[in-house]
């Protein structure tokens, strides 16, 4: 299961997150999302756990948990929605 982790401290590391989630089962991967220009954390990450029951336990126990002095949001990740109108500031007409 792919898990979304939000309100993450900007200095948190993938190994710290892996350690936190591994209390509930096997962690296949952790990916902190970074800004492509500054290479700084955007404050959220994705955690992949292969066992759905373990992932659900992690979500249930860690949502609202205080991690690095921040109350984190943890839930099942939703599929990414592609936005075909990126860069088009006026979606109702194409004058731009």
C-alpha atoms as a PDB file:
ATOM      1  CA  UNK A   1       0.000   0.000   0.000  1.00  0.00           C
ATOM      2  CA  UNK A   2       1.193   3.487  -0.815  1.00  0.00           C
ATOM      3  CA  UNK A   3       0.887   5.861   2.162  1.00  0.00           C
ATOM      4  CA  UNK A   4       0.866   9.658   2.127  1.00  0.00           C
ATOM      5  CA  UNK A   5       2.717  11.413   4.951  1.00  0.00           C
ATOM      6  CA  UNK A   6       2.032  15.150   5.301  1.00  0.00           C
ATOM      7  CA  UNK A   7       3.029  18.075   7.538  1.00  0.00           C
ATOM      8  CA  UNK A   8       6.501  16.623   7.651  1.00  0.00           C
ATOM      9  CA  UNK A   9       9.400  18.515   9.212  1.00  0.00           C
ATOM     10  CA  UNK A  10      11.603  19.856   6.417  1.00  0.00           C
ATOM     11  CA  UNK A  11      14.691  18.300   8.024  1.00  0.00           C
ATOM     12  CA  UNK A  12      13.258  14.781   8.388  1.00  0.00           C
ATOM     13  CA  UNK A  13      15.183  12.061   6.577  1.00  0.00           C
ATOM     14  CA  UNK A  14      13.989   9.004   4.701  1.00  0.00           C
ATOM     15  CA  UNK A  15      15.791   6.755   7.204  1.00  0.00           C
ATOM     16  CA  UNK A  16      13.963   8.409  10.153  1.00  0.00           C
ATOM     17  CA  UNK A  17      10.619   7.889   8.417  1.00  0.00           C
ATOM     18  CA  UNK A  18      11.498   4.295   7.561  1.00  0.00           C
ATOM     19  CA  UNK A  19      12.403   3.644  11.184  1.00  0.00           C
ATOM     20  CA  UNK A  20       9.098   5.134  12.372  1.00  0.00           C
ATOM     21  CA  UNK A  21       6.967   3.062   9.974  1.00  0.00           C
ATOM     22  CA  UNK A  22       8.959  -0.153  10.424  1.00  0.00           C
ATOM     23  CA  UNK A  23       7.492  -0.412  13.933  1.00  0.00           C
ATOM     24  CA  UNK A  24       4.335  -1.615  12.157  1.00  0.00           C
ATOM     25  CA  UNK A  25       5.857  -3.868   9.510  1.00  0.00           C
ATOM     26  CA  UNK A  26       8.035  -4.054   6.425  1.00  0.00           C
ATOM     27  CA  UNK A  27       8.779  -0.784   4.643  1.00  0.00           C
ATOM     28  CA  UNK A  28       9.573  -1.243   0.949  1.00  0.00           C
ATOM     29  CA  UNK A  29      10.454   2.397   0.247  1.00  0.00           C
ATOM     30  CA  UNK A  30      10.288   5.974   1.496  1.00  0.00           C
ATOM     31  CA  UNK A  31      10.336   8.962  -0.842  1.00  0.00           C
ATOM     32  CA  UNK A  32      10.465  12.529   0.482  1.00  0.00           C
ATOM     33  CA  UNK A  33       9.175  14.894  -2.193  1.00  0.00           C
ATOM     34  CA  UNK A  34      11.600  17.737  -2.907  1.00  0.00           C
ATOM     35  CA  UNK A  35      11.370  20.963  -4.873  1.00  0.00           C
ATOM     36  CA  UNK A  36      13.108  20.457  -8.210  1.00  0.00           C
ATOM     37  CA  UNK A  37      14.726  23.902  -8.142  1.00  0.00           C
ATOM     38  CA  UNK A  38      15.913  24.163  -4.523  1.00  0.00           C
ATOM     39  CA  UNK A  39      16.162  20.441  -3.726  1.00  0.00           C
ATOM     40  CA  UNK A  40      14.450  21.205  -0.375  1.00  0.00           C
ATOM     41  CA  UNK A  41      11.742  19.024   1.104  1.00  0.00           C
ATOM     42  CA  UNK A  42       8.190  20.090   0.270  1.00  0.00           C
ATOM     43  CA  UNK A  43       7.013  18.761   3.641  1.00  0.00           C
ATOM     44  CA  UNK A  44       5.463  15.512   2.498  1.00  0.00           C
ATOM     45  CA  UNK A  45       6.513  11.999   1.590  1.00  0.00           C
ATOM     46  CA  UNK A  46       5.247   8.632   0.423  1.00  0.00           C
ATOM     47  CA  UNK A  47       5.865   5.350   2.200  1.00  0.00           C
ATOM     48  CA  UNK A  48       5.346   2.008   0.472  1.00  0.00           C
ATOM     49  CA  UNK A  49       4.433  -0.954   2.677  1.00  0.00           C
ATOM     50  CA  UNK A  50       3.810  -4.289   0.886  1.00  0.00           C
ATOM     51  CA  UNK A  51       1.488  -5.736   3.556  1.00  0.00           C
ATOM     52  CA  UNK A  52      -1.881  -3.923   3.544  1.00  0.00           C
ATOM     53  CA  UNK A  53      -2.767  -4.923   7.118  1.00  0.00           C
ATOM     54  CA  UNK A  54       0.530  -3.576   8.440  1.00  0.00           C
ATOM     55  CA  UNK A  55       0.043  -0.408   6.384  1.00  0.00           C
ATOM     56  CA  UNK A  56      -3.446   0.103   7.834  1.00  0.00           C
ATOM     57  CA  UNK A  57      -2.035  -0.313  11.352  1.00  0.00           C
ATOM     58  CA  UNK A  58       0.639   2.299  10.611  1.00  0.00           C
ATOM     59  CA  UNK A  59      -1.965   4.724   9.256  1.00  0.00           C
ATOM     60  CA  UNK A  60      -4.268   4.208  12.231  1.00  0.00           C
ATOM     61  CA  UNK A  61      -1.494   4.652  14.787  1.00  0.00           C
ATOM     62  CA  UNK A  62       0.573   7.396  13.162  1.00  0.00           C
ATOM     63  CA  UNK A  63      -2.098   9.782  11.848  1.00  0.00           C
ATOM     64  CA  UNK A  64      -1.917  12.748  14.233  1.00  0.00           C
ATOM     65  CA  UNK A  65       1.327  11.468  15.786  1.00  0.00           C
ATOM     66  CA  UNK A  66       3.898  14.102  16.773  1.00  0.00           C
ATOM     67  CA  UNK A  67       7.070  13.469  14.787  1.00  0.00           C
ATOM     68  CA  UNK A  68       9.952  15.994  14.964  1.00  0.00           C
ATOM     69  CA  UNK A  69       7.719  18.472  16.812  1.00  0.00           C
ATOM     70  CA  UNK A  70       5.041  18.389  14.084  1.00  0.00           C
ATOM     71  CA  UNK A  71       1.702  16.625  14.088  1.00  0.00           C
ATOM     72  CA  UNK A  72       1.845  14.490  10.939  1.00  0.00           C
ATOM     73  CA  UNK A  73      -0.982  13.490   8.635  1.00  0.00           C
ATOM     74  CA  UNK A  74      -0.916   9.870   7.529  1.00  0.00           C
ATOM     75  CA  UNK A  75      -3.400   8.261   5.150  1.00  0.00           C
ATOM     76  CA  UNK A  76      -3.650   6.030   2.123  1.00  0.00           C
ATOM     77  CA  UNK A  77      -2.234   7.813  -0.910  1.00  0.00           C
ATOM     78  CA  UNK A  78      -4.649   8.668  -3.696  1.00  0.00           C
ATOM     79  CA  UNK A  79      -3.615   8.161  -7.320  1.00  0.00           C
ATOM     80  CA  UNK A  80      -1.955  11.168  -8.933  1.00  0.00           C
ATOM     81  CA  UNK A  81      -4.314  13.165 -11.145  1.00  0.00           C
ATOM     82  CA  UNK A  82      -2.715  14.600 -14.248  1.00  0.00           C
ATOM     83  CA  UNK A  83      -3.667  18.194 -15.008  1.00  0.00           C
ATOM     84  CA  UNK A  84      -3.732  18.706 -18.763  1.00  0.00           C
ATOM     85  CA  UNK A  85      -4.255  22.469 -18.377  1.00  0.00           C
ATOM     86  CA  UNK A  86      -1.023  23.261 -16.559  1.00  0.00           C
ATOM     87  CA  UNK A  87       0.200  26.710 -17.412  1.00  0.00           C
ATOM     88  CA  UNK A  88      -3.169  27.737 -18.810  1.00  0.00           C
ATOM     89  CA  UNK A  89      -4.258  30.431 -16.395  1.00  0.00           C
ATOM     90  CA  UNK A  90      -7.711  30.827 -17.846  1.00  0.00           C
ATOM     91  CA  UNK A  91      -9.341  27.438 -18.406  1.00  0.00           C
ATOM     92  CA  UNK A  92     -12.518  28.915 -19.942  1.00  0.00           C
ATOM     93  CA  UNK A  93     -10.874  30.414 -22.970  1.00  0.00           C
ATOM     94  CA  UNK A  94      -7.505  29.931 -24.532  1.00  0.00           C
ATOM     95  CA  UNK A  95      -6.327  33.508 -25.031  1.00  0.00           C
ATOM     96  CA  UNK A  96      -3.088  32.824 -23.125  1.00  0.00           C
END
